[in-house]
PDB file of N, CA and C in Angstrom:
ATOM      1  N   MET A   1      83.028  76.602 106.069  1.00  0.00           N
ATOM      2  CA  MET A   1      84.069  77.594 105.861  1.00  0.00           C
ATOM      3  C   MET A   1      84.938  78.016 107.120  1.00  0.00           C
ATOM      4  N   ASP A   2      86.238  78.088 106.708  1.00  0.00           N
ATOM      5  CA  ASP A   2      86.958  78.949 108.147  1.00  0.00           C
ATOM      6  C   ASP A   2      86.310  80.116 108.735  1.00  0.00           C
ATOM      7  N   ALA A   3      86.060  79.841 110.140  1.00  0.00           N
ATOM      8  CA  ALA A   3      85.810  81.100 110.795  1.00  0.00           C
ATOM      9  C   ALA A   3      86.496  82.451 110.515  1.00  0.00           C
ATOM     10  N   GLN A   4      87.448  82.242 110.579  1.00  0.00           N
ATOM     11  CA  GLN A   4      88.736  83.356 110.658  1.00  0.00           C
ATOM     12  C   GLN A   4      88.344  84.370 109.380  1.00  0.00           C
ATOM     13  N   ILE A   5      88.014  83.571 107.986  1.00  0.00           N
ATOM     14  CA  ILE A   5      87.982  84.057 106.757  1.00  0.00           C
ATOM     15  C   ILE A   5      86.747  84.566 106.846  1.00  0.00           C
ATOM     16  N   GLN A   6      85.438  83.640 107.389  1.00  0.00           N
ATOM     17  CA  GLN A   6      84.208  84.502 107.203  1.00  0.00           C
ATOM     18  C   GLN A   6      84.344  85.991 108.318  1.00  0.00           C
ATOM     19  N   ALA A   7      84.835  85.867 109.470  1.00  0.00           N
ATOM     20  CA  ALA A   7      84.883  87.140 110.150  1.00  0.00           C
ATOM     21  C   ALA A   7      85.553  88.143 109.419  1.00  0.00           C
ATOM     22  N   LEU A   8      86.509  88.097 108.654  1.00  0.00           N
ATOM     23  CA  LEU A   8      87.010  89.082 107.670  1.00  0.00           C
ATOM     24  C   LEU A   8      86.101  89.485 106.482  1.00  0.00           C
ATOM     25  N   LYS A   9      85.515  88.556 106.241  1.00  0.00           N
ATOM     26  CA  LYS A   9      84.419  88.960 104.953  1.00  0.00           C
ATOM     27  C   LYS A   9      83.308  89.963 105.901  1.00  0.00           C
ATOM     28  N   ASP A  10      82.678  89.381 107.153  1.00  0.00           N
ATOM     29  CA  ASP A  10      81.922  90.150 107.626  1.00  0.00           C
ATOM     30  C   ASP A  10      82.238  91.712 107.803  1.00  0.00           C
ATOM     31  N   ARG A  11      83.411  91.870 107.866  1.00  0.00           N
ATOM     32  CA  ARG A  11      84.170  92.925 108.380  1.00  0.00           C
ATOM     33  C   ARG A  11      84.309  93.844 106.807  1.00  0.00           C
ATOM     34  N   GLY A  12      84.116  93.177 105.969  1.00  0.00           N
ATOM     35  CA  GLY A  12      84.077  93.963 104.558  1.00  0.00           C
ATOM     36  C   GLY A  12      85.641  93.583 103.870  1.00  0.00           C
ATOM     37  N   VAL A  13      86.176  92.935 104.272  1.00  0.00           N
ATOM     38  CA  VAL A  13      87.555  92.570 103.508  1.00  0.00           C
ATOM     39  C   VAL A  13      87.372  91.431 102.322  1.00  0.00           C
ATOM     40  N   ARG A  14      87.669  91.882 101.268  1.00  0.00           N
ATOM     41  CA  ARG A  14      87.647  90.969  99.947  1.00  0.00           C
ATOM     42  C   ARG A  14      88.682  90.129  99.747  1.00  0.00           C
ATOM     43  N   ILE A  15      88.561  88.951  99.346  1.00  0.00           N
ATOM     44  CA  ILE A  15      89.469  87.965  99.436  1.00  0.00           C
ATOM     45  C   ILE A  15      89.778  87.504  97.950  1.00  0.00           C
ATOM     46  N   ALA A  16      91.157  87.554  97.670  1.00  0.00           N
ATOM     47  CA  ALA A  16      91.451  87.473  96.127  1.00  0.00           C
ATOM     48  C   ALA A  16      92.536  86.087  96.129  1.00  0.00           C
ATOM     49  N   VAL A  17      92.518  85.325  95.212  1.00  0.00           N
ATOM     50  CA  VAL A  17      93.390  83.981  94.989  1.00  0.00           C
ATOM     51  C   VAL A  17      94.772  84.617  93.854  1.00  0.00           C
ATOM     52  N   ASP A  18      95.487  84.927  94.462  1.00  0.00           N
ATOM     53  CA  ASP A  18      96.866  85.416  93.814  1.00  0.00           C
ATOM     54  C   ASP A  18      97.632  84.169  92.965  1.00  0.00           C
ATOM     55  N   ASP A  19      98.021  84.549  92.164  1.00  0.00           N
ATOM     56  CA  ASP A  19      99.016  83.625  90.828  1.00  0.00           C
ATOM     57  C   ASP A  19      98.060  82.530  90.779  1.00  0.00           C
ATOM     58  N   PHE A  20      96.722  82.660  90.178  1.00  0.00           N
ATOM     59  CA  PHE A  20      95.826  81.709  90.048  1.00  0.00           C
ATOM     60  C   PHE A  20      96.234  80.745  88.577  1.00  0.00           C
ATOM     61  N   GLY A  21      96.211  79.701  88.966  1.00  0.00           N
ATOM     62  CA  GLY A  21      96.574  78.668  88.102  1.00  0.00           C
ATOM     63  C   GLY A  21      98.037  78.013  88.281  1.00  0.00           C
ATOM     64  N   THR A  22      98.588  78.402  89.255  1.00  0.00           N
ATOM     65  CA  THR A  22     100.026  77.987  89.426  1.00  0.00           C
ATOM     66  C   THR A  22     100.332  77.750  90.996  1.00  0.00           C
ATOM     67  N   GLY A  23     101.089  76.863  91.147  1.00  0.00           N
ATOM     68  CA  GLY A  23     101.640  76.515  92.515  1.00  0.00           C
ATOM     69  C   GLY A  23     100.442  75.912  93.168  1.00  0.00           C
ATOM     70  N   TYR A  24     100.315  76.443  94.337  1.00  0.00           N
ATOM     71  CA  TYR A  24      98.963  75.868  95.617  1.00  0.00           C
ATOM     72  C   TYR A  24      97.875  76.623  95.142  1.00  0.00           C
ATOM     73  N   SER A  25      97.599  77.478  94.350  1.00  0.00           N
ATOM     74  CA  SER A  25      96.028  77.840  93.706  1.00  0.00           C
ATOM     75  C   SER A  25      95.344  76.594  93.293  1.00  0.00           C
ATOM     76  N   SER A  26      93.970  76.462  93.574  1.00  0.00           N
ATOM     77  CA  SER A  26      93.614  75.080  93.300  1.00  0.00           C
ATOM     78  C   SER A  26      92.022  75.802  93.086  1.00  0.00           C
ATOM     79  N   LEU A  27      91.416  74.851  92.179  1.00  0.00           N
ATOM     80  CA  LEU A  27      89.794  75.109  91.856  1.00  0.00           C
ATOM     81  C   LEU A  27      88.987  74.904  93.120  1.00  0.00           C
ATOM     82  N   ARG A  28      89.595  74.103  94.074  1.00  0.00           N
ATOM     83  CA  ARG A  28      88.854  73.712  95.297  1.00  0.00           C
ATOM     84  C   ARG A  28      88.706  74.878  96.092  1.00  0.00           C
ATOM     85  N   TYR A  29      89.780  76.116  96.093  1.00  0.00           N
ATOM     86  CA  TYR A  29      89.474  77.417  96.770  1.00  0.00           C
ATOM     87  C   TYR A  29      88.499  77.905  96.386  1.00  0.00           C
ATOM     88  N   LEU A  30      88.049  77.800  95.057  1.00  0.00           N
ATOM     89  CA  LEU A  30      86.826  78.642  94.360  1.00  0.00           C
ATOM     90  C   LEU A  30      85.696  77.911  94.906  1.00  0.00           C
ATOM     91  N   ARG A  31      85.585  76.545  95.138  1.00  0.00           N
ATOM     92  CA  ARG A  31      84.496  75.847  95.700  1.00  0.00           C
ATOM     93  C   ARG A  31      84.286  76.298  97.362  1.00  0.00           C
ATOM     94  N   ASP A  32      85.559  76.333  98.093  1.00  0.00           N
ATOM     95  CA  ASP A  32      85.458  75.971  99.647  1.00  0.00           C
ATOM     96  C   ASP A  32      85.389  77.387 100.208  1.00  0.00           C
ATOM     97  N   PHE A  33      85.959  78.460  99.442  1.00  0.00           N
ATOM     98  CA  PHE A  33      86.349  79.693 100.042  1.00  0.00           C
ATOM     99  C   PHE A  33      85.475  80.973  99.423  1.00  0.00           C
ATOM    100  N   PRO A  34      85.262  81.797 100.304  1.00  0.00           N
ATOM    101  CA  PRO A  34      84.254  83.052  99.749  1.00  0.00           C
ATOM    102  C   PRO A  34      85.097  84.096  98.862  1.00  0.00           C
ATOM    103  N   ILE A  35      85.642  83.513  97.865  1.00  0.00           N
ATOM    104  CA  ILE A  35      86.710  84.575  96.919  1.00  0.00           C
ATOM    105  C   ILE A  35      85.827  85.299  96.281  1.00  0.00           C
ATOM    106  N   ASP A  36      86.434  86.507  96.075  1.00  0.00           N
ATOM    107  CA  ASP A  36      86.016  87.889  95.313  1.00  0.00           C
ATOM    108  C   ASP A  36      86.639  87.970  93.978  1.00  0.00           C
ATOM    109  N   VAL A  37      87.934  87.829  93.944  1.00  0.00           N
ATOM    110  CA  VAL A  37      88.654  88.181  93.075  1.00  0.00           C
ATOM    111  C   VAL A  37      89.745  87.109  92.537  1.00  0.00           C
ATOM    112  N   LEU A  38      90.005  86.741  91.348  1.00  0.00           N
ATOM    113  CA  LEU A  38      91.159  85.910  90.873  1.00  0.00           C
ATOM    114  C   LEU A  38      91.805  86.758  90.202  1.00  0.00           C
ATOM    115  N   LYS A  39      93.314  86.589  90.586  1.00  0.00           N
ATOM    116  CA  LYS A  39      94.567  87.397  90.047  1.00  0.00           C
ATOM    117  C   LYS A  39      95.344  86.069  88.809  1.00  0.00           C
ATOM    118  N   ILE A  40      95.013  86.284  87.683  1.00  0.00           N
ATOM    119  CA  ILE A  40      95.588  85.447  86.656  1.00  0.00           C
ATOM    120  C   ILE A  40      97.277  85.410  86.757  1.00  0.00           C
ATOM    121  N   ASP A  41      97.889  84.333  86.847  1.00  0.00           N
ATOM    122  CA  ASP A  41      99.359  84.791  87.012  1.00  0.00           C
ATOM    123  C   ASP A  41     100.116  85.088  86.276  1.00  0.00           C
ATOM    124  N   LYS A  42     101.182  85.888  85.971  1.00  0.00           N
ATOM    125  CA  LYS A  42     101.736  86.365  84.982  1.00  0.00           C
ATOM    126  C   LYS A  42     102.658  85.612  84.065  1.00  0.00           C
ATOM    127  N   SER A  43     102.593  84.050  84.464  1.00  0.00           N
ATOM    128  CA  SER A  43     102.815  83.161  83.403  1.00  0.00           C
ATOM    129  C   SER A  43     102.096  83.038  82.177  1.00  0.00           C
ATOM    130  N   PHE A  44     100.769  83.075  82.551  1.00  0.00           N
ATOM    131  CA  PHE A  44      99.632  82.969  81.420  1.00  0.00           C
ATOM    132  C   PHE A  44      99.314  84.293  80.646  1.00  0.00           C
ATOM    133  N   VAL A  45      99.863  85.400  81.166  1.00  0.00           N
ATOM    134  CA  VAL A  45     100.087  86.696  80.264  1.00  0.00           C
ATOM    135  C   VAL A  45     101.048  86.843  79.178  1.00  0.00           C
ATOM    136  N   ASP A  46     102.466  85.982  79.709  1.00  0.00           N
ATOM    137  CA  ASP A  46     103.470  86.333  78.869  1.00  0.00           C
ATOM    138  C   ASP A  46     103.228  85.416  77.644  1.00  0.00           C
ATOM    139  N   GLY A  47     102.626  84.551  77.272  1.00  0.00           N
ATOM    140  CA  GLY A  47     102.368  84.348  75.595  1.00  0.00           C
ATOM    141  C   GLY A  47     101.419  85.113  75.182  1.00  0.00           C
ATOM    142  N   LEU A  48     100.593  85.961  75.853  1.00  0.00           N
ATOM    143  CA  LEU A  48      99.733  86.554  74.767  1.00  0.00           C
ATOM    144  C   LEU A  48     100.379  87.530  74.050  1.00  0.00           C
ATOM    145  N   PRO A  49      99.621  88.157  72.744  1.00  0.00           N
ATOM    146  CA  PRO A  49      98.613  87.368  72.402  1.00  0.00           C
ATOM    147  C   PRO A  49      98.949  86.255  71.401  1.00  0.00           C
ATOM    148  N   GLU A  50     100.224  85.945  71.416  1.00  0.00           N
ATOM    149  CA  GLU A  50     100.473  84.877  70.005  1.00  0.00           C
ATOM    150  C   GLU A  50     100.392  83.514  70.369  1.00  0.00           C
ATOM    151  N   ASP A  51     100.513  83.212  71.468  1.00  0.00           N
ATOM    152  CA  ASP A  51     100.270  81.625  71.627  1.00  0.00           C
ATOM    153  C   ASP A  51      98.670  81.075  72.127  1.00  0.00           C
ATOM    154  N   PRO A  52      97.996  80.494  71.039  1.00  0.00           N
ATOM    155  CA  PRO A  52      96.889  80.251  71.439  1.00  0.00           C
ATOM    156  C   PRO A  52      96.139  79.348  72.399  1.00  0.00           C
ATOM    157  N   GLN A  53      97.264  78.614  72.939  1.00  0.00           N
ATOM    158  CA  GLN A  53      96.985  77.578  74.205  1.00  0.00           C
ATOM    159  C   GLN A  53      96.818  79.079  75.301  1.00  0.00           C
ATOM    160  N   GLN A  54      97.772  79.627  75.447  1.00  0.00           N
ATOM    161  CA  GLN A  54      97.547  80.735  76.514  1.00  0.00           C
ATOM    162  C   GLN A  54      96.077  81.480  76.555  1.00  0.00           C
ATOM    163  N   VAL A  55      96.219  82.130  75.309  1.00  0.00           N
ATOM    164  CA  VAL A  55      94.844  82.595  74.771  1.00  0.00           C
ATOM    165  C   VAL A  55      93.570  81.808  75.325  1.00  0.00           C
ATOM    166  N   ALA A  56      93.616  80.790  74.989  1.00  0.00           N
ATOM    167  CA  ALA A  56      92.329  80.004  75.477  1.00  0.00           C
ATOM    168  C   ALA A  56      92.252  79.539  77.007  1.00  0.00           C
ATOM    169  N   LEU A  57      93.648  79.577  77.675  1.00  0.00           N
ATOM    170  CA  LEU A  57      93.506  79.412  79.080  1.00  0.00           C
ATOM    171  C   LEU A  57      92.978  80.392  79.687  1.00  0.00           C
ATOM    172  N   VAL A  58      93.578  81.743  79.328  1.00  0.00           N
ATOM    173  CA  VAL A  58      93.070  83.032  79.665  1.00  0.00           C
ATOM    174  C   VAL A  58      91.447  83.370  79.675  1.00  0.00           C
ATOM    175  N   GLU A  59      91.049  82.899  78.299  1.00  0.00           N
ATOM    176  CA  GLU A  59      89.533  83.009  78.193  1.00  0.00           C
ATOM    177  C   GLU A  59      88.911  82.079  78.945  1.00  0.00           C
ATOM    178  N   GLY A  60      89.373  80.955  79.406  1.00  0.00           N
ATOM    179  CA  GLY A  60      88.686  80.128  80.206  1.00  0.00           C
ATOM    180  C   GLY A  60      88.825  80.335  81.642  1.00  0.00           C
ATOM    181  N   ILE A  61      89.961  80.925  82.086  1.00  0.00           N
ATOM    182  CA  ILE A  61      89.578  81.657  83.442  1.00  0.00           C
ATOM    183  C   ILE A  61      88.801  82.785  83.442  1.00  0.00           C
ATOM    184  N   VAL A  62      88.685  83.294  82.562  1.00  0.00           N
ATOM    185  CA  VAL A  62      87.869  84.701  82.665  1.00  0.00           C
ATOM    186  C   VAL A  62      86.476  84.272  82.614  1.00  0.00           C
ATOM    187  N   HIS A  63      86.016  83.596  81.698  1.00  0.00           N
ATOM    188  CA  HIS A  63      84.560  82.981  81.645  1.00  0.00           C
ATOM    189  C   HIS A  63      84.346  82.166  82.871  1.00  0.00           C
ATOM    190  N   LEU A  64      85.453  81.492  83.586  1.00  0.00           N
ATOM    191  CA  LEU A  64      84.967  80.786  84.956  1.00  0.00           C
ATOM    192  C   LEU A  64      84.691  81.778  85.765  1.00  0.00           C
ATOM    193  N   ALA A  65      85.304  82.674  85.996  1.00  0.00           N
ATOM    194  CA  ALA A  65      85.242  83.774  86.894  1.00  0.00           C
ATOM    195  C   ALA A  65      84.146  84.617  87.061  1.00  0.00           C
ATOM    196  N   ASP A  66      83.692  85.103  85.563  1.00  0.00           N
ATOM    197  CA  ASP A  66      82.607  85.525  85.364  1.00  0.00           C
ATOM    198  C   ASP A  66      80.998  84.602  85.619  1.00  0.00           C
ATOM    199  N   THR A  67      81.343  83.541  85.470  1.00  0.00           N
ATOM    200  CA  THR A  67      80.124  82.420  85.608  1.00  0.00           C
ATOM    201  C   THR A  67      79.997  82.361  87.465  1.00  0.00           C
ATOM    202  N   LEU A  68      81.016  82.526  88.150  1.00  0.00           N
ATOM    203  CA  LEU A  68      81.034  82.572  89.592  1.00  0.00           C
ATOM    204  C   LEU A  68      80.816  83.678  90.063  1.00  0.00           C
ATOM    205  N   GLY A  69      80.725  85.272  89.188  1.00  0.00           N
ATOM    206  CA  GLY A  69      80.701  86.367  89.817  1.00  0.00           C
ATOM    207  C   GLY A  69      81.975  86.757  90.484  1.00  0.00           C
ATOM    208  N   LEU A  70      83.134  86.325  89.882  1.00  0.00           N
ATOM    209  CA  LEU A  70      84.254  87.119  90.373  1.00  0.00           C
ATOM    210  C   LEU A  70      84.924  87.982  89.815  1.00  0.00           C
ATOM    211  N   LYS A  71      85.706  88.868  90.286  1.00  0.00           N
ATOM    212  CA  LYS A  71      86.492  89.746  89.352  1.00  0.00           C
ATOM    213  C   LYS A  71      87.502  89.232  89.038  1.00  0.00           C
ATOM    214  N   VAL A  72      88.399  89.769  87.929  1.00  0.00           N
ATOM    215  CA  VAL A  72      89.480  89.099  87.474  1.00  0.00           C
ATOM    216  C   VAL A  72      90.612  89.906  87.123  1.00  0.00           C
ATOM    217  N   ILE A  73      91.985  89.941  87.450  1.00  0.00           N
ATOM    218  CA  ILE A  73      93.151  90.638  87.441  1.00  0.00           C
ATOM    219  C   ILE A  73      94.181  90.065  86.742  1.00  0.00           C
ATOM    220  N   ALA A  74      94.329  90.643  85.609  1.00  0.00           N
ATOM    221  CA  ALA A  74      95.639  89.768  85.158  1.00  0.00           C
ATOM    222  C   ALA A  74      96.927  90.838  85.701  1.00  0.00           C
ATOM    223  N   GLU A  75      97.858  89.686  85.875  1.00  0.00           N
ATOM    224  CA  GLU A  75      99.149  90.226  86.383  1.00  0.00           C
ATOM    225  C   GLU A  75     100.300  90.452  85.233  1.00  0.00           C
ATOM    226  N   GLY A  76     101.254  90.863  85.382  1.00  0.00           N
ATOM    227  CA  GLY A  76     102.432  91.117  84.325  1.00  0.00           C
ATOM    228  C   GLY A  76     102.106  91.768  83.061  1.00  0.00           C
ATOM    229  N   ILE A  77     101.284  92.603  82.884  1.00  0.00           N
ATOM    230  CA  ILE A  77     100.787  93.076  81.522  1.00  0.00           C
ATOM    231  C   ILE A  77     102.105  94.044  81.413  1.00  0.00           C
ATOM    232  N   GLU A  78     102.672  93.798  80.127  1.00  0.00           N
ATOM    233  CA  GLU A  78     103.920  94.506  79.954  1.00  0.00           C
ATOM    234  C   GLU A  78     103.795  95.249  78.871  1.00  0.00           C
ATOM    235  N   GLU A  79     102.972  94.563  77.617  1.00  0.00           N
ATOM    236  CA  GLU A  79     102.911  95.481  76.328  1.00  0.00           C
ATOM    237  C   GLU A  79     101.412  95.400  75.937  1.00  0.00           C
ATOM    238  N   GLN A  80     101.311  96.613  74.886  1.00  0.00           N
ATOM    239  CA  GLN A  80      99.695  96.742  74.699  1.00  0.00           C
ATOM    240  C   GLN A  80      98.959  95.665  74.150  1.00  0.00           C
ATOM    241  N   PRO A  81      99.569  94.863  73.257  1.00  0.00           N
ATOM    242  CA  PRO A  81      98.593  93.508  72.557  1.00  0.00           C
ATOM    243  C   PRO A  81      98.362  93.004  73.811  1.00  0.00           C
ATOM    244  N   GLN A  82      99.014  92.845  74.738  1.00  0.00           N
ATOM    245  CA  GLN A  82      98.420  91.725  75.826  1.00  0.00           C
ATOM    246  C   GLN A  82      97.423  92.545  76.544  1.00  0.00           C
ATOM    247  N   ARG A  83      97.552  93.872  76.340  1.00  0.00           N
ATOM    248  CA  ARG A  83      96.291  94.710  77.423  1.00  0.00           C
ATOM    249  C   ARG A  83      95.203  94.553  76.410  1.00  0.00           C
ATOM    250  N   GLU A  84      95.208  94.561  75.082  1.00  0.00           N
ATOM    251  CA  GLU A  84      94.192  94.701  74.278  1.00  0.00           C
ATOM    252  C   GLU A  84      93.492  93.028  74.383  1.00  0.00           C
ATOM    253  N   LEU A  85      94.391  92.064  74.095  1.00  0.00           N
ATOM    254  CA  LEU A  85      93.643  90.772  74.353  1.00  0.00           C
ATOM    255  C   LEU A  85      93.105  90.590  75.400  1.00  0.00           C
ATOM    256  N   LEU A  86      93.411  90.991  76.586  1.00  0.00           N
ATOM    257  CA  LEU A  86      92.967  90.764  77.738  1.00  0.00           C
ATOM    258  C   LEU A  86      91.434  91.318  77.933  1.00  0.00           C
ATOM    259  N   ALA A  87      91.302  92.795  77.312  1.00  0.00           N
ATOM    260  CA  ALA A  87      90.152  93.502  77.569  1.00  0.00           C
ATOM    261  C   ALA A  87      89.226  92.816  76.439  1.00  0.00           C
ATOM    262  N   LEU A  88      89.885  92.428  75.341  1.00  0.00           N
ATOM    263  CA  LEU A  88      88.876  91.526  74.464  1.00  0.00           C
ATOM    264  C   LEU A  88      88.169  90.486  74.988  1.00  0.00           C
ATOM    265  N   VAL A  89      89.173  89.854  75.779  1.00  0.00           N
ATOM    266  CA  VAL A  89      88.614  88.205  76.444  1.00  0.00           C
ATOM    267  C   VAL A  89      87.794  88.628  77.776  1.00  0.00           C
ATOM    268  N   GLY A  90      87.554  89.912  77.976  1.00  0.00           N
ATOM    269  CA  GLY A  90      86.459  90.370  79.076  1.00  0.00           C
ATOM    270  C   GLY A  90      87.156  90.578  80.403  1.00  0.00           C
ATOM    271  N   CYS A  91      88.818  90.573  80.532  1.00  0.00           N
ATOM    272  CA  CYS A  91      89.297  90.705  81.645  1.00  0.00           C
ATOM    273  C   CYS A  91      89.307  92.419  81.793  1.00  0.00           C
ATOM    274  N   ARG A  92      88.764  92.888  82.760  1.00  0.00           N
ATOM    275  CA  ARG A  92      88.778  94.429  82.875  1.00  0.00           C
ATOM    276  C   ARG A  92      89.788  95.452  83.633  1.00  0.00           C
ATOM    277  N   TYR A  93      90.686  94.058  84.467  1.00  0.00           N
ATOM    278  CA  TYR A  93      91.526  94.937  85.125  1.00  0.00           C
ATOM    279  C   TYR A  93      92.930  94.192  85.117  1.00  0.00           C
ATOM    280  N   GLY A  94      93.955  94.835  85.447  1.00  0.00           N
ATOM    281  CA  GLY A  94      95.431  94.344  84.999  1.00  0.00           C
ATOM    282  C   GLY A  94      96.403  95.459  85.784  1.00  0.00           C
ATOM    283  N   GLN A  95      97.502  94.547  86.084  1.00  0.00           N
ATOM    284  CA  GLN A  95      98.678  95.450  86.634  1.00  0.00           C
ATOM    285  C   GLN A  95     100.063  95.031  85.816  1.00  0.00           C
ATOM    286  N   GLY A  96     100.992  95.736  86.004  1.00  0.00           N
ATOM    287  CA  GLY A  96     102.124  95.453  85.351  1.00  0.00           C
ATOM    288  C   GLY A  96     103.060  96.351  84.756  1.00  0.00           C
ATOM    289  N   PHE A  97     103.891  96.349  84.401  1.00  0.00           N
ATOM    290  CA  PHE A  97     104.802  97.355  84.082  1.00  0.00           C
ATOM    291  C   PHE A  97     104.559  98.359  82.992  1.00  0.00           C
ATOM    292  N   LEU A  98     103.230  97.879  82.047  1.00  0.00           N
ATOM    293  CA  LEU A  98     102.537  98.662  81.093  1.00  0.00           C
ATOM    294  C   LEU A  98     101.847  99.810  81.821  1.00  0.00           C
ATOM    295  N   PHE A  99     101.533  99.710  82.846  1.00  0.00           N
ATOM    296  CA  PHE A  99     100.881 100.830  83.725  1.00  0.00           C
ATOM    297  C   PHE A  99     101.887 101.758  84.924  1.00  0.00           C
ATOM    298  N   ALA A 100     102.919 101.059  85.301  1.00  0.00           N
ATOM    299  CA  ALA A 100     103.626 101.569  86.194  1.00  0.00           C
ATOM    300  C   ALA A 100     104.892 100.668  86.693  1.00  0.00           C
ATOM    301  N   ARG A 101     105.875 101.109  86.889  1.00  0.00           N
ATOM    302  CA  ARG A 101     107.036 100.353  87.628  1.00  0.00           C
ATOM    303  C   ARG A 101     106.521 100.381  89.136  1.00  0.00           C
ATOM    304  N   PRO A 102     106.961  99.365  89.777  1.00  0.00           N
ATOM    305  CA  PRO A 102     106.784  99.579  91.644  1.00  0.00           C
ATOM    306  C   PRO A 102     106.872 100.851  92.246  1.00  0.00           C
ATOM    307  N   LEU A 103     105.928 101.242  92.807  1.00  0.00           N
ATOM    308  CA  LEU A 103     105.624 102.488  93.559  1.00  0.00           C
ATOM    309  C   LEU A 103     106.069 102.417  95.132  1.00  0.00           C
ATOM    310  N   THR A 104     106.374 103.693  95.593  1.00  0.00           N
ATOM    311  CA  THR A 104     106.002 103.579  97.290  1.00  0.00           C
ATOM    312  C   THR A 104     104.662 103.989  97.439  1.00  0.00           C
ATOM    313  N   VAL A 105     104.320 104.048  98.710  1.00  0.00           N
ATOM    314  CA  VAL A 105     103.099 104.388  99.274  1.00  0.00           C
ATOM    315  C   VAL A 105     102.667 105.620  98.522  1.00  0.00           C
ATOM    316  N   GLU A 106     103.580 106.561  99.020  1.00  0.00           N
ATOM    317  CA  GLU A 106     103.406 108.219  98.636  1.00  0.00           C
ATOM    318  C   GLU A 106     103.346 108.321  97.373  1.00  0.00           C
ATOM    319  N   GLN A 107     104.054 107.495  96.197  1.00  0.00           N
ATOM    320  CA  GLN A 107     103.836 107.973  94.920  1.00  0.00           C
ATOM    321  C   GLN A 107     102.471 106.938  94.340  1.00  0.00           C
ATOM    322  N   GLY A 108     102.092 105.932  95.121  1.00  0.00           N
ATOM    323  CA  GLY A 108     100.919 105.375  94.686  1.00  0.00           C
ATOM    324  C   GLY A 108      99.782 106.452  95.076  1.00  0.00           C
ATOM    325  N   GLU A 109      99.938 106.934  96.371  1.00  0.00           N
ATOM    326  CA  GLU A 109      98.550 107.838  96.547  1.00  0.00           C
ATOM    327  C   GLU A 109      98.687 109.046  95.774  1.00  0.00           C
ATOM    328  N   ALA A 110      99.745 109.257  95.346  1.00  0.00           N
ATOM    329  CA  ALA A 110      99.796 110.662  94.377  1.00  0.00           C
ATOM    330  C   ALA A 110      99.013 110.102  93.161  1.00  0.00           C
ATOM    331  N   MET A 111      99.733 109.083  92.737  1.00  0.00           N
ATOM    332  CA  MET A 111      99.042 108.576  91.365  1.00  0.00           C
ATOM    333  C   MET A 111      97.271 108.510  91.490  1.00  0.00           C
ATOM    334  N   LEU A 112      96.951 107.938  92.521  1.00  0.00           N
ATOM    335  CA  LEU A 112      95.514 107.679  92.812  1.00  0.00           C
ATOM    336  C   LEU A 112      94.827 108.978  92.748  1.00  0.00           C
ATOM    337  N   ARG A 113      95.525 110.109  93.086  1.00  0.00           N
ATOM    338  CA  ARG A 113      94.669 111.212  93.351  1.00  0.00           C
ATOM    339  C   ARG A 113      94.835 111.737  91.662  1.00  0.00           C
ATOM    340  N   GLU A 114      95.730 111.423  91.173  1.00  0.00           N
ATOM    341  CA  GLU A 114      96.047 112.082  89.676  1.00  0.00           C
ATOM    342  C   GLU A 114      94.804 111.442  88.664  1.00  0.00           C
ATOM    343  N   TYR A 115      94.661 110.004  88.816  1.00  0.00           N
ATOM    344  CA  TYR A 115      93.881 109.249  88.115  1.00  0.00           C
ATOM    345  C   TYR A 115      92.596 108.998  88.411  1.00  0.00           C
ATOM    346  N   ASP A 116      91.568 108.593  87.636  1.00  0.00           N
ATOM    347  CA  ASP A 116      90.428 108.135  88.294  1.00  0.00           C
ATOM    348  C   ASP A 116      90.348 106.507  87.927  1.00  0.00           C
ATOM    349  N   GLY A 117      91.159 105.934  87.341  1.00  0.00           N
ATOM    350  CA  GLY A 117      91.103 104.561  86.948  1.00  0.00           C
ATOM    351  C   GLY A 117      90.798 104.484  85.517  1.00  0.00           C
ATOM    352  N   VAL A 118      90.796 105.541  84.760  1.00  0.00           N
ATOM    353  CA  VAL A 118      90.534 105.340  83.505  1.00  0.00           C
ATOM    354  C   VAL A 118      91.616 106.344  82.735  1.00  0.00           C
ATOM    355  N   GLY A 119      91.952 107.510  83.315  1.00  0.00           N
ATOM    356  CA  GLY A 119      92.701 108.297  82.659  1.00  0.00           C
ATOM    357  C   GLY A 119      93.270 109.458  83.604  1.00  0.00           C
ATOM    358  N   PRO A 120      94.005 110.607  83.080  1.00  0.00           N
ATOM    359  CA  PRO A 120      94.035 111.730  84.051  1.00  0.00           C
ATOM    360  C   PRO A 120      92.687 112.445  84.064  1.00  0.00           C
ATOM    361  N   ARG A 121      92.865 113.150  85.176  1.00  0.00           N
ATOM    362  CA  ARG A 121      91.392 113.690  85.406  1.00  0.00           C
ATOM    363  C   ARG A 121      91.409 115.190  84.555  1.00  0.00           C
ATOM    364  N   ALA A 122      90.338 115.504  83.963  1.00  0.00           N
ATOM    365  CA  ALA A 122      90.367 116.801  83.462  1.00  0.00           C
ATOM    366  C   ALA A 122      90.255 118.064  84.209  1.00  0.00           C
ATOM    367  N   GLY A 123      90.888 118.842  83.875  1.00  0.00           N
ATOM    368  CA  GLY A 123      90.830 120.402  84.703  1.00  0.00           C
ATOM    369  C   GLY A 123      91.690 120.322  85.815  1.00  0.00           C
TER     370      GLY A 123
END
């Protein structure tokens, strides 16, 4: 394992593979590096829930991540049916326009203060 990556891990940094399933992301990374999170590329989310092949691929990625003890984040969630299907197959985390448009740091901090990850805080 790369000494620089291990030094980061020793400091508590978590490592994510972005755009998993496309480009330069590789299954080899899962074997060779201490990965904590897989981010499913938006191109796999776009066809949900209508495309059975996309559903099967996303289910496979989620199952693989679960088997390896990794968290999964789906990128590019834009519609409620996508969110529902992802939750159904076990993907607990997501990002995309369904939740919020891009925010400034200040807007993001305000949003985090207002929400606890599930919904608005009561009272």
